């Protein structure tokens, strides 16, 4: 996936940011860090670079002027379209030869693992 994304000029973390913004819409930096599973300080450098590259904007949160909302720009749309295709290509390679039943079982197991981890976030 990293090689596919690199050909589009973005990192995996930047892909995550675009994905979460596509799913959830505007997010604060703290919300974005939580979604990406990283510390807020880690997401700052990613957001800085994406803002510099014109992919996102920071806007002041109307409810709390101390917070910034992260908003994708129109320049992010074609990038997102291309990286979705990259993801589909990688998924096709990763799941080659698996039956529909195996894919369903895999999804179920991964969802259960995700739930387990969310329920035990305090484990370090």
PDB file of N, CA and C in Angstrom:
ATOM      1  N   UNK A   1       0.834  -1.188   0.000  1.00  0.00           N
ATOM      2  CA  UNK A   1       0.000   0.000   0.000  1.00  0.00           C
ATOM      3  C   UNK A   1       0.876   1.248   0.000  1.00  0.00           C
ATOM      4  N   UNK A   2       1.963   1.212   0.790  1.00  0.00           N
ATOM      5  CA  UNK A   2       2.844   2.385   0.859  1.00  0.00           C
ATOM      6  C   UNK A   2       3.401   2.760  -0.509  1.00  0.00           C
ATOM      7  N   UNK A   3       3.801   1.754  -1.287  1.00  0.00           N
ATOM      8  CA  UNK A   3       4.357   2.032  -2.618  1.00  0.00           C
ATOM      9  C   UNK A   3       3.290   2.633  -3.531  1.00  0.00           C
ATOM     10  N   UNK A   4       2.073   2.100  -3.449  1.00  0.00           N
ATOM     11  CA  UNK A   4       0.973   2.635  -4.263  1.00  0.00           C
ATOM     12  C   UNK A   4       0.693   4.088  -3.889  1.00  0.00           C
ATOM     13  N   UNK A   5       0.652   4.366  -2.588  1.00  0.00           N
ATOM     14  CA  UNK A   5       0.381   5.731  -2.127  1.00  0.00           C
ATOM     15  C   UNK A   5       1.521   6.676  -2.483  1.00  0.00           C
ATOM     16  N   UNK A   6       2.753   6.180  -2.362  1.00  0.00           N
ATOM     17  CA  UNK A   6       3.915   7.017  -2.685  1.00  0.00           C
ATOM     18  C   UNK A   6       3.861   7.475  -4.139  1.00  0.00           C
ATOM     19  N   UNK A   7       3.335   6.618  -5.005  1.00  0.00           N
ATOM     20  CA  UNK A   7       3.232   7.012  -6.414  1.00  0.00           C
ATOM     21  C   UNK A   7       2.230   8.155  -6.597  1.00  0.00           C
ATOM     22  N   UNK A   8       1.343   8.338  -5.619  1.00  0.00           N
ATOM     23  CA  UNK A   8       0.387   9.453  -5.634  1.00  0.00           C
ATOM     24  C   UNK A   8       0.895  10.643  -4.824  1.00  0.00           C
ATOM     25  N   UNK A   9       2.062  10.473  -4.196  1.00  0.00           N
ATOM     26  CA  UNK A   9       2.668  11.573  -3.452  1.00  0.00           C
ATOM     27  C   UNK A   9       2.134  11.780  -2.047  1.00  0.00           C
ATOM     28  N   UNK A  10       1.498  10.739  -1.475  1.00  0.00           N
ATOM     29  CA  UNK A  10       1.043  10.868  -0.093  1.00  0.00           C
ATOM     30  C   UNK A  10       1.488   9.661   0.723  1.00  0.00           C
ATOM     31  N   UNK A  11       1.531   9.851   2.027  1.00  0.00           N
ATOM     32  CA  UNK A  11       1.914   8.778   2.942  1.00  0.00           C
ATOM     33  C   UNK A  11       0.674   8.009   3.396  1.00  0.00           C
ATOM     34  N   UNK A  12       0.900   6.883   4.040  1.00  0.00           N
ATOM     35  CA  UNK A  12      -0.224   6.106   4.569  1.00  0.00           C
ATOM     36  C   UNK A  12      -0.999   6.920   5.601  1.00  0.00           C
ATOM     37  N   UNK A  13      -0.295   7.667   6.435  1.00  0.00           N
ATOM     38  CA  UNK A  13      -0.975   8.481   7.456  1.00  0.00           C
ATOM     39  C   UNK A  13      -1.843   9.556   6.792  1.00  0.00           C
ATOM     40  N   UNK A  14      -1.343  10.159   5.720  1.00  0.00           N
ATOM     41  CA  UNK A  14      -2.149  11.146   4.994  1.00  0.00           C
ATOM     42  C   UNK A  14      -3.381  10.484   4.372  1.00  0.00           C
ATOM     43  N   UNK A  15      -3.205   9.272   3.881  1.00  0.00           N
ATOM     44  CA  UNK A  15      -4.334   8.500   3.366  1.00  0.00           C
ATOM     45  C   UNK A  15      -5.370   8.295   4.468  1.00  0.00           C
ATOM     46  N   UNK A  16      -4.903   7.940   5.671  1.00  0.00           N
ATOM     47  CA  UNK A  16      -5.824   7.758   6.801  1.00  0.00           C
ATOM     48  C   UNK A  16      -6.606   9.037   7.080  1.00  0.00           C
ATOM     49  N   UNK A  17      -5.911  10.155   7.081  1.00  0.00           N
ATOM     50  CA  UNK A  17      -6.571  11.440   7.348  1.00  0.00           C
ATOM     51  C   UNK A  17      -7.657  11.689   6.306  1.00  0.00           C
ATOM     52  N   UNK A  18      -7.328  11.516   5.032  1.00  0.00           N
ATOM     53  CA  UNK A  18      -8.323  11.724   3.982  1.00  0.00           C
ATOM     54  C   UNK A  18      -9.495  10.757   4.133  1.00  0.00           C
ATOM     55  N   UNK A  19      -9.188   9.514   4.497  1.00  0.00           N
ATOM     56  CA  UNK A  19     -10.248   8.511   4.662  1.00  0.00           C
ATOM     57  C   UNK A  19     -11.199   8.894   5.791  1.00  0.00           C
ATOM     58  N   UNK A  20     -10.651   9.289   6.937  1.00  0.00           N
ATOM     59  CA  UNK A  20     -11.511   9.669   8.059  1.00  0.00           C
ATOM     60  C   UNK A  20     -12.320  10.916   7.737  1.00  0.00           C
ATOM     61  N   UNK A  21     -11.735  11.855   7.033  1.00  0.00           N
ATOM     62  CA  UNK A  21     -12.486  13.049   6.641  1.00  0.00           C
ATOM     63  C   UNK A  21     -13.591  12.692   5.648  1.00  0.00           C
ATOM     64  N   UNK A  22     -13.323  11.728   4.777  1.00  0.00           N
ATOM     65  CA  UNK A  22     -14.346  11.287   3.821  1.00  0.00           C
ATOM     66  C   UNK A  22     -15.509  10.603   4.545  1.00  0.00           C
ATOM     67  N   UNK A  23     -15.192   9.848   5.592  1.00  0.00           N
ATOM     68  CA  UNK A  23     -16.216   9.105   6.333  1.00  0.00           C
ATOM     69  C   UNK A  23     -16.975   9.995   7.307  1.00  0.00           C
ATOM     70  N   UNK A  24     -16.241  10.809   8.042  1.00  0.00           N
ATOM     71  CA  UNK A  24     -16.848  11.573   9.138  1.00  0.00           C
ATOM     72  C   UNK A  24     -17.067  13.050   8.851  1.00  0.00           C
ATOM     73  N   UNK A  25     -16.497  13.564   7.795  1.00  0.00           N
ATOM     74  CA  UNK A  25     -16.596  15.002   7.537  1.00  0.00           C
ATOM     75  C   UNK A  25     -15.560  15.748   8.357  1.00  0.00           C
ATOM     76  N   UNK A  26     -15.832  16.986   8.679  1.00  0.00           N
ATOM     77  CA  UNK A  26     -14.889  17.806   9.444  1.00  0.00           C
ATOM     78  C   UNK A  26     -14.623  17.174  10.808  1.00  0.00           C
ATOM     79  N   UNK A  27     -13.350  17.201  11.201  1.00  0.00           N
ATOM     80  CA  UNK A  27     -12.950  16.681  12.510  1.00  0.00           C
ATOM     81  C   UNK A  27     -11.970  17.643  13.153  1.00  0.00           C
ATOM     82  N   UNK A  28     -11.961  17.676  14.477  1.00  0.00           N
ATOM     83  CA  UNK A  28     -10.915  18.426  15.170  1.00  0.00           C
ATOM     84  C   UNK A  28      -9.627  17.612  15.077  1.00  0.00           C
ATOM     85  N   UNK A  29      -8.500  18.251  15.358  1.00  0.00           N
ATOM     86  CA  UNK A  29      -7.233  17.524  15.322  1.00  0.00           C
ATOM     87  C   UNK A  29      -7.229  16.403  16.351  1.00  0.00           C
ATOM     88  N   UNK A  30      -7.832  16.629  17.504  1.00  0.00           N
ATOM     89  CA  UNK A  30      -7.881  15.593  18.543  1.00  0.00           C
ATOM     90  C   UNK A  30      -8.737  14.420  18.075  1.00  0.00           C
ATOM     91  N   UNK A  31      -9.893  14.711  17.487  1.00  0.00           N
ATOM     92  CA  UNK A  31     -10.753  13.641  16.966  1.00  0.00           C
ATOM     93  C   UNK A  31     -10.032  12.866  15.866  1.00  0.00           C
ATOM     94  N   UNK A  32      -9.347  13.582  15.020  1.00  0.00           N
ATOM     95  CA  UNK A  32      -8.612  12.961  13.924  1.00  0.00           C
ATOM     96  C   UNK A  32      -7.507  12.049  14.456  1.00  0.00           C
ATOM     97  N   UNK A  33      -6.795  12.508  15.468  1.00  0.00           N
ATOM     98  CA  UNK A  33      -5.749  11.685  16.081  1.00  0.00           C
ATOM     99  C   UNK A  33      -6.349  10.405  16.654  1.00  0.00           C
ATOM    100  N   UNK A  34      -7.474  10.525  17.347  1.00  0.00           N
ATOM    101  CA  UNK A  34      -8.141   9.334  17.907  1.00  0.00           C
ATOM    102  C   UNK A  34      -8.536   8.364  16.801  1.00  0.00           C
ATOM    103  N   UNK A  35      -9.133   8.888  15.745  1.00  0.00           N
ATOM    104  CA  UNK A  35      -9.546   8.040  14.624  1.00  0.00           C
ATOM    105  C   UNK A  35      -8.356   7.298  14.020  1.00  0.00           C
ATOM    106  N   UNK A  36      -7.226   7.982  13.907  1.00  0.00           N
ATOM    107  CA  UNK A  36      -6.026   7.389  13.311  1.00  0.00           C
ATOM    108  C   UNK A  36      -5.240   6.536  14.296  1.00  0.00           C
ATOM    109  N   UNK A  37      -5.636   6.577  15.566  1.00  0.00           N
ATOM    110  CA  UNK A  37      -4.954   5.762  16.574  1.00  0.00           C
ATOM    111  C   UNK A  37      -3.578   6.271  16.949  1.00  0.00           C
ATOM    112  N   UNK A  38      -3.405   7.600  16.911  1.00  0.00           N
ATOM    113  CA  UNK A  38      -2.112   8.193  17.265  1.00  0.00           C
ATOM    114  C   UNK A  38      -2.324   9.309  18.279  1.00  0.00           C
ATOM    115  N   UNK A  39      -1.234   9.760  18.859  1.00  0.00           N
ATOM    116  CA  UNK A  39      -1.284  10.884  19.788  1.00  0.00           C
ATOM    117  C   UNK A  39      -1.558  12.174  19.008  1.00  0.00           C
ATOM    118  N   UNK A  40      -2.251  13.128  19.633  1.00  0.00           N
ATOM    119  CA  UNK A  40      -2.511  14.404  18.955  1.00  0.00           C
ATOM    120  C   UNK A  40      -1.241  15.079  18.430  1.00  0.00           C
ATOM    121  N   UNK A  41      -0.145  14.965  19.176  1.00  0.00           N
ATOM    122  CA  UNK A  41       1.102  15.597  18.721  1.00  0.00           C
ATOM    123  C   UNK A  41       1.614  14.969  17.422  1.00  0.00           C
ATOM    124  N   UNK A  42       1.316  13.700  17.209  1.00  0.00           N
ATOM    125  CA  UNK A  42       1.747  13.013  15.988  1.00  0.00           C
ATOM    126  C   UNK A  42       0.982  13.515  14.776  1.00  0.00           C
ATOM    127  N   UNK A  43      -0.293  13.796  14.962  1.00  0.00           N
ATOM    128  CA  UNK A  43      -1.130  14.198  13.830  1.00  0.00           C
ATOM    129  C   UNK A  43      -0.811  15.618  13.364  1.00  0.00           C
ATOM    130  N   UNK A  44      -0.227  16.431  14.243  1.00  0.00           N
ATOM    131  CA  UNK A  44       0.070  17.828  13.897  1.00  0.00           C
ATOM    132  C   UNK A  44       0.979  17.916  12.670  1.00  0.00           C
ATOM    133  N   UNK A  45       2.043  17.137  12.647  1.00  0.00           N
ATOM    134  CA  UNK A  45       2.981  17.192  11.518  1.00  0.00           C
ATOM    135  C   UNK A  45       2.307  16.748  10.224  1.00  0.00           C
ATOM    136  N   UNK A  46       1.445  15.744  10.317  1.00  0.00           N
ATOM    137  CA  UNK A  46       0.728  15.258   9.135  1.00  0.00           C
ATOM    138  C   UNK A  46      -0.201  16.348   8.608  1.00  0.00           C
ATOM    139  N   UNK A  47      -0.957  16.958   9.515  1.00  0.00           N
ATOM    140  CA  UNK A  47      -1.893  18.019   9.137  1.00  0.00           C
ATOM    141  C   UNK A  47      -1.132  19.229   8.587  1.00  0.00           C
ATOM    142  N   UNK A  48      -0.001  19.571   9.210  1.00  0.00           N
ATOM    143  CA  UNK A  48       0.815  20.687   8.710  1.00  0.00           C
ATOM    144  C   UNK A  48       1.213  20.463   7.251  1.00  0.00           C
ATOM    145  N   UNK A  49       1.702  19.257   6.964  1.00  0.00           N
ATOM    146  CA  UNK A  49       2.152  18.962   5.600  1.00  0.00           C
ATOM    147  C   UNK A  49       0.977  18.983   4.622  1.00  0.00           C
ATOM    148  N   UNK A  50      -0.148  18.403   5.033  1.00  0.00           N
ATOM    149  CA  UNK A  50      -1.315  18.367   4.150  1.00  0.00           C
ATOM    150  C   UNK A  50      -1.865  19.770   3.899  1.00  0.00           C
ATOM    151  N   UNK A  51      -1.781  20.618   4.921  1.00  0.00           N
ATOM    152  CA  UNK A  51      -2.212  22.006   4.750  1.00  0.00           C
ATOM    153  C   UNK A  51      -1.262  22.727   3.792  1.00  0.00           C
ATOM    154  N   UNK A  52       0.029  22.508   3.973  1.00  0.00           N
ATOM    155  CA  UNK A  52       1.028  23.105   3.080  1.00  0.00           C
ATOM    156  C   UNK A  52       0.813  22.662   1.634  1.00  0.00           C
ATOM    157  N   UNK A  53       0.423  21.395   1.452  1.00  0.00           N
ATOM    158  CA  UNK A  53       0.196  20.853   0.112  1.00  0.00           C
ATOM    159  C   UNK A  53      -1.182  21.202  -0.451  1.00  0.00           C
ATOM    160  N   UNK A  54      -1.988  21.908   0.344  1.00  0.00           N
ATOM    161  CA  UNK A  54      -3.294  22.356  -0.127  1.00  0.00           C
ATOM    162  C   UNK A  54      -4.394  21.309  -0.093  1.00  0.00           C
ATOM    163  N   UNK A  55      -4.169  20.203   0.647  1.00  0.00           N
ATOM    164  CA  UNK A  55      -5.169  19.133   0.696  1.00  0.00           C
ATOM    165  C   UNK A  55      -6.231  19.346   1.774  1.00  0.00           C
ATOM    166  N   UNK A  56      -5.864  20.065   2.818  1.00  0.00           N
ATOM    167  CA  UNK A  56      -6.810  20.337   3.907  1.00  0.00           C
ATOM    168  C   UNK A  56      -6.664  21.790   4.343  1.00  0.00           C
ATOM    169  N   UNK A  57      -7.663  22.255   5.075  1.00  0.00           N
ATOM    170  CA  UNK A  57      -7.606  23.581   5.707  1.00  0.00           C
ATOM    171  C   UNK A  57      -7.942  23.404   7.177  1.00  0.00           C
ATOM    172  N   UNK A  58      -7.359  24.260   7.985  1.00  0.00           N
ATOM    173  CA  UNK A  58      -7.756  24.338   9.390  1.00  0.00           C
ATOM    174  C   UNK A  58      -8.727  25.509   9.498  1.00  0.00           C
ATOM    175  N   UNK A  59      -9.886  25.251  10.074  1.00  0.00           N
ATOM    176  CA  UNK A  59     -10.843  26.326  10.310  1.00  0.00           C
ATOM    177  C   UNK A  59     -11.133  26.383  11.802  1.00  0.00           C
ATOM    178  N   UNK A  60     -11.457  27.552  12.286  1.00  0.00           N
ATOM    179  CA  UNK A  60     -11.760  27.713  13.710  1.00  0.00           C
ATOM    180  C   UNK A  60     -13.118  27.082  13.987  1.00  0.00           C
ATOM    181  N   UNK A  61     -13.176  26.300  15.045  1.00  0.00           N
ATOM    182  CA  UNK A  61     -14.418  25.654  15.461  1.00  0.00           C
ATOM    183  C   UNK A  61     -15.374  26.726  15.987  1.00  0.00           C
ATOM    184  N   UNK A  62     -16.593  26.796  15.458  1.00  0.00           N
ATOM    185  CA  UNK A  62     -17.518  27.850  15.897  1.00  0.00           C
ATOM    186  C   UNK A  62     -17.928  27.723  17.369  1.00  0.00           C
ATOM    187  N   UNK A  63     -17.890  26.511  17.913  1.00  0.00           N
ATOM    188  CA  UNK A  63     -18.283  26.288  19.306  1.00  0.00           C
ATOM    189  C   UNK A  63     -17.166  26.581  20.303  1.00  0.00           C
ATOM    190  N   UNK A  64     -15.925  26.472  19.847  1.00  0.00           N
ATOM    191  CA  UNK A  64     -14.776  26.665  20.733  1.00  0.00           C
ATOM    192  C   UNK A  64     -13.620  27.189  19.892  1.00  0.00           C
ATOM    193  N   UNK A  65     -13.375  28.474  19.972  1.00  0.00           N
ATOM    194  CA  UNK A  65     -12.370  29.113  19.117  1.00  0.00           C
ATOM    195  C   UNK A  65     -10.949  28.614  19.380  1.00  0.00           C
ATOM    196  N   UNK A  66     -10.746  27.879  20.467  1.00  0.00           N
ATOM    197  CA  UNK A  66      -9.421  27.311  20.736  1.00  0.00           C
ATOM    198  C   UNK A  66      -9.149  26.082  19.872  1.00  0.00           C
ATOM    199  N   UNK A  67     -10.203  25.488  19.337  1.00  0.00           N
ATOM    200  CA  UNK A  67     -10.078  24.269  18.534  1.00  0.00           C
ATOM    201  C   UNK A  67     -10.116  24.603  17.048  1.00  0.00           C
ATOM    202  N   UNK A  68      -9.456  23.752  16.287  1.00  0.00           N
ATOM    203  CA  UNK A  68      -9.497  23.859  14.830  1.00  0.00           C
ATOM    204  C   UNK A  68     -10.178  22.626  14.256  1.00  0.00           C
ATOM    205  N   UNK A  69     -10.979  22.841  13.234  1.00  0.00           N
ATOM    206  CA  UNK A  69     -11.594  21.750  12.485  1.00  0.00           C
ATOM    207  C   UNK A  69     -10.730  21.527  11.250  1.00  0.00           C
ATOM    208  N   UNK A  70     -10.553  20.279  10.882  1.00  0.00           N
ATOM    209  CA  UNK A  70      -9.793  19.931   9.690  1.00  0.00           C
ATOM    210  C   UNK A  70     -10.805  19.641   8.582  1.00  0.00           C
ATOM    211  N   UNK A  71     -10.633  20.347   7.471  1.00  0.00           N
ATOM    212  CA  UNK A  71     -11.585  20.275   6.365  1.00  0.00           C
ATOM    213  C   UNK A  71     -10.822  19.967   5.080  1.00  0.00           C
ATOM    214  N   UNK A  72     -11.255  18.970   4.312  1.00  0.00           N
ATOM    215  CA  UNK A  72     -10.584  18.719   3.032  1.00  0.00           C
ATOM    216  C   UNK A  72     -10.896  19.837   2.037  1.00  0.00           C
ATOM    217  N   UNK A  73      -9.933  20.151   1.199  1.00  0.00           N
ATOM    218  CA  UNK A  73     -10.133  21.171   0.164  1.00  0.00           C
ATOM    219  C   UNK A  73     -10.569  20.489  -1.136  1.00  0.00           C
ATOM    220  N   UNK A  74     -10.918  21.290  -2.102  1.00  0.00           N
ATOM    221  CA  UNK A  74     -11.289  20.727  -3.412  1.00  0.00           C
ATOM    222  C   UNK A  74     -10.091  20.024  -4.057  1.00  0.00           C
ATOM    223  N   UNK A  75      -8.873  20.431  -3.697  1.00  0.00           N
ATOM    224  CA  UNK A  75      -7.673  19.779  -4.239  1.00  0.00           C
ATOM    225  C   UNK A  75      -7.534  18.348  -3.732  1.00  0.00           C
ATOM    226  N   UNK A  76      -8.168  18.029  -2.609  1.00  0.00           N
ATOM    227  CA  UNK A  76      -8.092  16.678  -2.049  1.00  0.00           C
ATOM    228  C   UNK A  76      -8.964  15.690  -2.816  1.00  0.00           C
ATOM    229  N   UNK A  77     -10.000  16.182  -3.474  1.00  0.00           N
ATOM    230  CA  UNK A  77     -10.949  15.288  -4.160  1.00  0.00           C
ATOM    231  C   UNK A  77     -10.299  14.392  -5.211  1.00  0.00           C
ATOM    232  N   UNK A  78      -9.516  14.940  -6.157  1.00  0.00           N
ATOM    233  CA  UNK A  78      -8.896  14.048  -7.142  1.00  0.00           C
ATOM    234  C   UNK A  78      -7.849  13.122  -6.520  1.00  0.00           C
ATOM    235  N   UNK A  79      -7.158  13.595  -5.494  1.00  0.00           N
ATOM    236  CA  UNK A  79      -6.183  12.748  -4.794  1.00  0.00           C
ATOM    237  C   UNK A  79      -6.924  11.586  -4.141  1.00  0.00           C
ATOM    238  N   UNK A  80      -8.034  11.890  -3.469  1.00  0.00           N
ATOM    239  CA  UNK A  80      -8.817  10.850  -2.803  1.00  0.00           C
ATOM    240  C   UNK A  80      -9.315   9.823  -3.825  1.00  0.00           C
ATOM    241  N   UNK A  81      -9.790  10.281  -4.960  1.00  0.00           N
ATOM    242  CA  UNK A  81     -10.270   9.362  -6.003  1.00  0.00           C
ATOM    243  C   UNK A  81      -9.169   8.409  -6.451  1.00  0.00           C
ATOM    244  N   UNK A  82      -7.968   8.944  -6.611  1.00  0.00           N
ATOM    245  CA  UNK A  82      -6.854   8.098  -7.053  1.00  0.00           C
ATOM    246  C   UNK A  82      -6.419   7.119  -5.972  1.00  0.00           C
ATOM    247  N   UNK A  83      -6.382   7.553  -4.713  1.00  0.00           N
ATOM    248  CA  UNK A  83      -5.910   6.642  -3.663  1.00  0.00           C
ATOM    249  C   UNK A  83      -6.958   5.581  -3.332  1.00  0.00           C
ATOM    250  N   UNK A  84      -8.228   5.876  -3.553  1.00  0.00           N
ATOM    251  CA  UNK A  84      -9.258   4.838  -3.395  1.00  0.00           C
ATOM    252  C   UNK A  84      -8.989   3.721  -4.399  1.00  0.00           C
ATOM    253  N   UNK A  85      -8.601   4.094  -5.613  1.00  0.00           N
ATOM    254  CA  UNK A  85      -8.254   3.090  -6.626  1.00  0.00           C
ATOM    255  C   UNK A  85      -7.018   2.296  -6.206  1.00  0.00           C
ATOM    256  N   UNK A  86      -6.052   2.977  -5.583  1.00  0.00           N
ATOM    257  CA  UNK A  86      -4.866   2.281  -5.068  1.00  0.00           C
ATOM    258  C   UNK A  86      -5.283   1.246  -4.027  1.00  0.00           C
ATOM    259  N   UNK A  87      -6.161   1.654  -3.127  1.00  0.00           N
ATOM    260  CA  UNK A  87      -6.643   0.748  -2.080  1.00  0.00           C
ATOM    261  C   UNK A  87      -7.362  -0.455  -2.662  1.00  0.00           C
ATOM    262  N   UNK A  88      -8.175  -0.222  -3.676  1.00  0.00           N
ATOM    263  CA  UNK A  88      -8.897  -1.323  -4.317  1.00  0.00           C
ATOM    264  C   UNK A  88      -7.916  -2.296  -4.977  1.00  0.00           C
ATOM    265  N   UNK A  89      -6.873  -1.746  -5.574  1.00  0.00           N
ATOM    266  CA  UNK A  89      -5.855  -2.582  -6.225  1.00  0.00           C
ATOM    267  C   UNK A  89      -5.134  -3.456  -5.195  1.00  0.00           C
ATOM    268  N   UNK A  90      -4.764  -2.865  -4.067  1.00  0.00           N
ATOM    269  CA  UNK A  90      -4.080  -3.609  -3.003  1.00  0.00           C
ATOM    270  C   UNK A  90      -5.022  -4.661  -2.412  1.00  0.00           C
ATOM    271  N   UNK A  91      -6.281  -4.283  -2.191  1.00  0.00           N
ATOM    272  CA  UNK A  91      -7.263  -5.230  -1.642  1.00  0.00           C
ATOM    273  C   UNK A  91      -7.440  -6.419  -2.578  1.00  0.00           C
ATOM    274  N   UNK A  92      -7.494  -6.148  -3.873  1.00  0.00           N
ATOM    275  CA  UNK A  92      -7.650  -7.225  -4.853  1.00  0.00           C
ATOM    276  C   UNK A  92      -6.477  -8.196  -4.774  1.00  0.00           C
ATOM    277  N   UNK A  93      -5.267  -7.666  -4.654  1.00  0.00           N
ATOM    278  CA  UNK A  93      -4.080  -8.523  -4.526  1.00  0.00           C
ATOM    279  C   UNK A  93      -4.118  -9.321  -3.223  1.00  0.00           C
ATOM    280  N   UNK A  94      -4.487  -8.643  -2.135  1.00  0.00           N
ATOM    281  CA  UNK A  94      -4.477  -9.281  -0.814  1.00  0.00           C
ATOM    282  C   UNK A  94      -5.524 -10.380  -0.687  1.00  0.00           C
ATOM    283  N   UNK A  95      -6.633 -10.237  -1.385  1.00  0.00           N
ATOM    284  CA  UNK A  95      -7.728 -11.202  -1.231  1.00  0.00           C
ATOM    285  C   UNK A  95      -7.827 -12.188  -2.394  1.00  0.00           C
ATOM    286  N   UNK A  96      -6.855 -12.153  -3.281  1.00  0.00           N
ATOM    287  CA  UNK A  96      -6.870 -13.071  -4.427  1.00  0.00           C
ATOM    288  C   UNK A  96      -6.947 -14.516  -3.939  1.00  0.00           C
ATOM    289  N   UNK A  97      -7.832 -15.277  -4.539  1.00  0.00           N
ATOM    290  CA  UNK A  97      -7.945 -16.691  -4.200  1.00  0.00           C
ATOM    291  C   UNK A  97      -8.832 -16.997  -3.007  1.00  0.00           C
ATOM    292  N   UNK A  98      -9.336 -15.975  -2.322  1.00  0.00           N
ATOM    293  CA  UNK A  98     -10.236 -16.218  -1.190  1.00  0.00           C
ATOM    294  C   UNK A  98     -11.671 -16.301  -1.696  1.00  0.00           C
ATOM    295  N   UNK A  99     -12.424 -17.233  -1.133  1.00  0.00           N
ATOM    296  CA  UNK A  99     -13.834 -17.354  -1.504  1.00  0.00           C
ATOM    297  C   UNK A  99     -14.645 -16.282  -0.780  1.00  0.00           C
ATOM    298  N   UNK A 100     -15.891 -16.103  -1.205  1.00  0.00           N
ATOM    299  CA  UNK A 100     -16.779 -15.150  -0.523  1.00  0.00           C
ATOM    300  C   UNK A 100     -16.961 -15.545   0.939  1.00  0.00           C
ATOM    301  N   UNK A 101     -17.074 -16.833   1.206  1.00  0.00           N
ATOM    302  CA  UNK A 101     -17.231 -17.305   2.591  1.00  0.00           C
ATOM    303  C   UNK A 101     -15.987 -16.974   3.417  1.00  0.00           C
ATOM    304  N   UNK A 102     -14.823 -17.165   2.837  1.00  0.00           N
ATOM    305  CA  UNK A 102     -13.580 -16.838   3.543  1.00  0.00           C
ATOM    306  C   UNK A 102     -13.473 -15.338   3.795  1.00  0.00           C
ATOM    307  N   UNK A 103     -13.867 -14.536   2.811  1.00  0.00           N
ATOM    308  CA  UNK A 103     -13.845 -13.081   2.990  1.00  0.00           C
ATOM    309  C   UNK A 103     -14.808 -12.656   4.093  1.00  0.00           C
ATOM    310  N   UNK A 104     -15.987 -13.261   4.136  1.00  0.00           N
ATOM    311  CA  UNK A 104     -16.962 -12.942   5.184  1.00  0.00           C
ATOM    312  C   UNK A 104     -16.412 -13.325   6.555  1.00  0.00           C
ATOM    313  N   UNK A 105     -15.771 -14.481   6.643  1.00  0.00           N
ATOM    314  CA  UNK A 105     -15.183 -14.915   7.908  1.00  0.00           C
ATOM    315  C   UNK A 105     -14.053 -13.972   8.320  1.00  0.00           C
ATOM    316  N   UNK A 106     -13.230 -13.575   7.378  1.00  0.00           N
ATOM    317  CA  UNK A 106     -12.138 -12.644   7.660  1.00  0.00           C
ATOM    318  C   UNK A 106     -12.677 -11.327   8.197  1.00  0.00           C
ATOM    319  N   UNK A 107     -13.689 -10.775   7.523  1.00  0.00           N
ATOM    320  CA  UNK A 107     -14.296  -9.521   7.989  1.00  0.00           C
ATOM    321  C   UNK A 107     -14.834  -9.666   9.407  1.00  0.00           C
ATOM    322  N   UNK A 108     -15.514 -10.773   9.662  1.00  0.00           N
ATOM    323  CA  UNK A 108     -16.092 -11.013  10.985  1.00  0.00           C
ATOM    324  C   UNK A 108     -15.002 -11.078  12.055  1.00  0.00           C
ATOM    325  N   UNK A 109     -13.938 -11.789  11.774  1.00  0.00           N
ATOM    326  CA  UNK A 109     -12.834 -11.908  12.737  1.00  0.00           C
ATOM    327  C   UNK A 109     -12.148 -10.568  12.968  1.00  0.00           C
ATOM    328  N   UNK A 110     -11.924  -9.811  11.907  1.00  0.00           N
ATOM    329  CA  UNK A 110     -11.288  -8.503  12.055  1.00  0.00           C
ATOM    330  C   UNK A 110     -12.173  -7.541  12.842  1.00  0.00           C
ATOM    331  N   UNK A 111     -13.477  -7.591  12.597  1.00  0.00           N
ATOM    332  CA  UNK A 111     -14.402  -6.746  13.363  1.00  0.00           C
ATOM    333  C   UNK A 111     -14.376  -7.116  14.843  1.00  0.00           C
ATOM    334  N   UNK A 112     -14.323  -8.412  15.134  1.00  0.00           N
ATOM    335  CA  UNK A 112     -14.260  -8.852  16.531  1.00  0.00           C
ATOM    336  C   UNK A 112     -12.955  -8.386  17.183  1.00  0.00           C
ATOM    337  N   UNK A 113     -11.845  -8.492  16.470  1.00  0.00           N
ATOM    338  CA  UNK A 113     -10.563  -8.025  17.005  1.00  0.00           C
ATOM    339  C   UNK A 113     -10.610  -6.520  17.263  1.00  0.00           C
ATOM    340  N   UNK A 114     -11.194  -5.774  16.336  1.00  0.00           N
ATOM    341  CA  UNK A 114     -11.307  -4.325  16.494  1.00  0.00           C
ATOM    342  C   UNK A 114     -12.133  -3.994  17.732  1.00  0.00           C
ATOM    343  N   UNK A 115     -13.251  -4.681  17.905  1.00  0.00           N
ATOM    344  CA  UNK A 115     -14.101  -4.475  19.081  1.00  0.00           C
ATOM    345  C   UNK A 115     -13.336  -4.799  20.357  1.00  0.00           C
ATOM    346  N   UNK A 116     -12.606  -5.904  20.361  1.00  0.00           N
ATOM    347  CA  UNK A 116     -11.804  -6.276  21.536  1.00  0.00           C
ATOM    348  C   UNK A 116     -10.817  -5.176  21.897  1.00  0.00           C
ATOM    349  N   UNK A 117     -10.145  -4.640  20.892  1.00  0.00           N
ATOM    350  CA  UNK A 117      -9.161  -3.590  21.147  1.00  0.00           C
ATOM    351  C   UNK A 117      -9.823  -2.314  21.653  1.00  0.00           C
ATOM    352  N   UNK A 118     -10.963  -1.959  21.085  1.00  0.00           N
ATOM    353  CA  UNK A 118     -11.667  -0.762  21.557  1.00  0.00           C
ATOM    354  C   UNK A 118     -12.115  -0.919  23.004  1.00  0.00           C
ATOM    355  N   UNK A 119     -12.549  -2.121  23.369  1.00  0.00           N
ATOM    356  CA  UNK A 119     -13.005  -2.371  24.737  1.00  0.00           C
ATOM    357  C   UNK A 119     -11.857  -2.375  25.737  1.00  0.00           C
ATOM    358  N   UNK A 120     -10.650  -2.582  25.264  1.00  0.00           N
ATOM    359  CA  UNK A 120      -9.483  -2.667  26.149  1.00  0.00           C
ATOM    360  C   UNK A 120      -8.433  -1.627  25.797  1.00  0.00           C
ATOM    361  N   UNK A 121      -8.867  -0.415  25.477  1.00  0.00           N
ATOM    362  CA  UNK A 121      -7.940   0.646  25.078  1.00  0.00           C
ATOM    363  C   UNK A 121      -6.944   1.003  26.168  1.00  0.00           C
ATOM    364  N   UNK A 122      -7.273   0.729  27.402  1.00  0.00           N
ATOM    365  CA  UNK A 122      -6.376   1.114  28.491  1.00  0.00           C
ATOM    366  C   UNK A 122      -5.122   0.254  28.543  1.00  0.00           C
ATOM    367  N   UNK A 123      -5.103  -0.846  27.798  1.00  0.00           N
ATOM    368  CA  UNK A 123      -3.923  -1.715  27.784  1.00  0.00           C
ATOM    369  C   UNK A 123      -2.821  -1.035  26.991  1.00  0.00           C
ATOM    370  N   UNK A 124      -1.653  -0.932  27.586  1.00  0.00           N
ATOM    371  CA  UNK A 124      -0.532  -0.285  26.894  1.00  0.00           C
ATOM    372  C   UNK A 124       0.520  -1.285  26.545  1.00  0.00           C
TER     373      UNK A 124
END
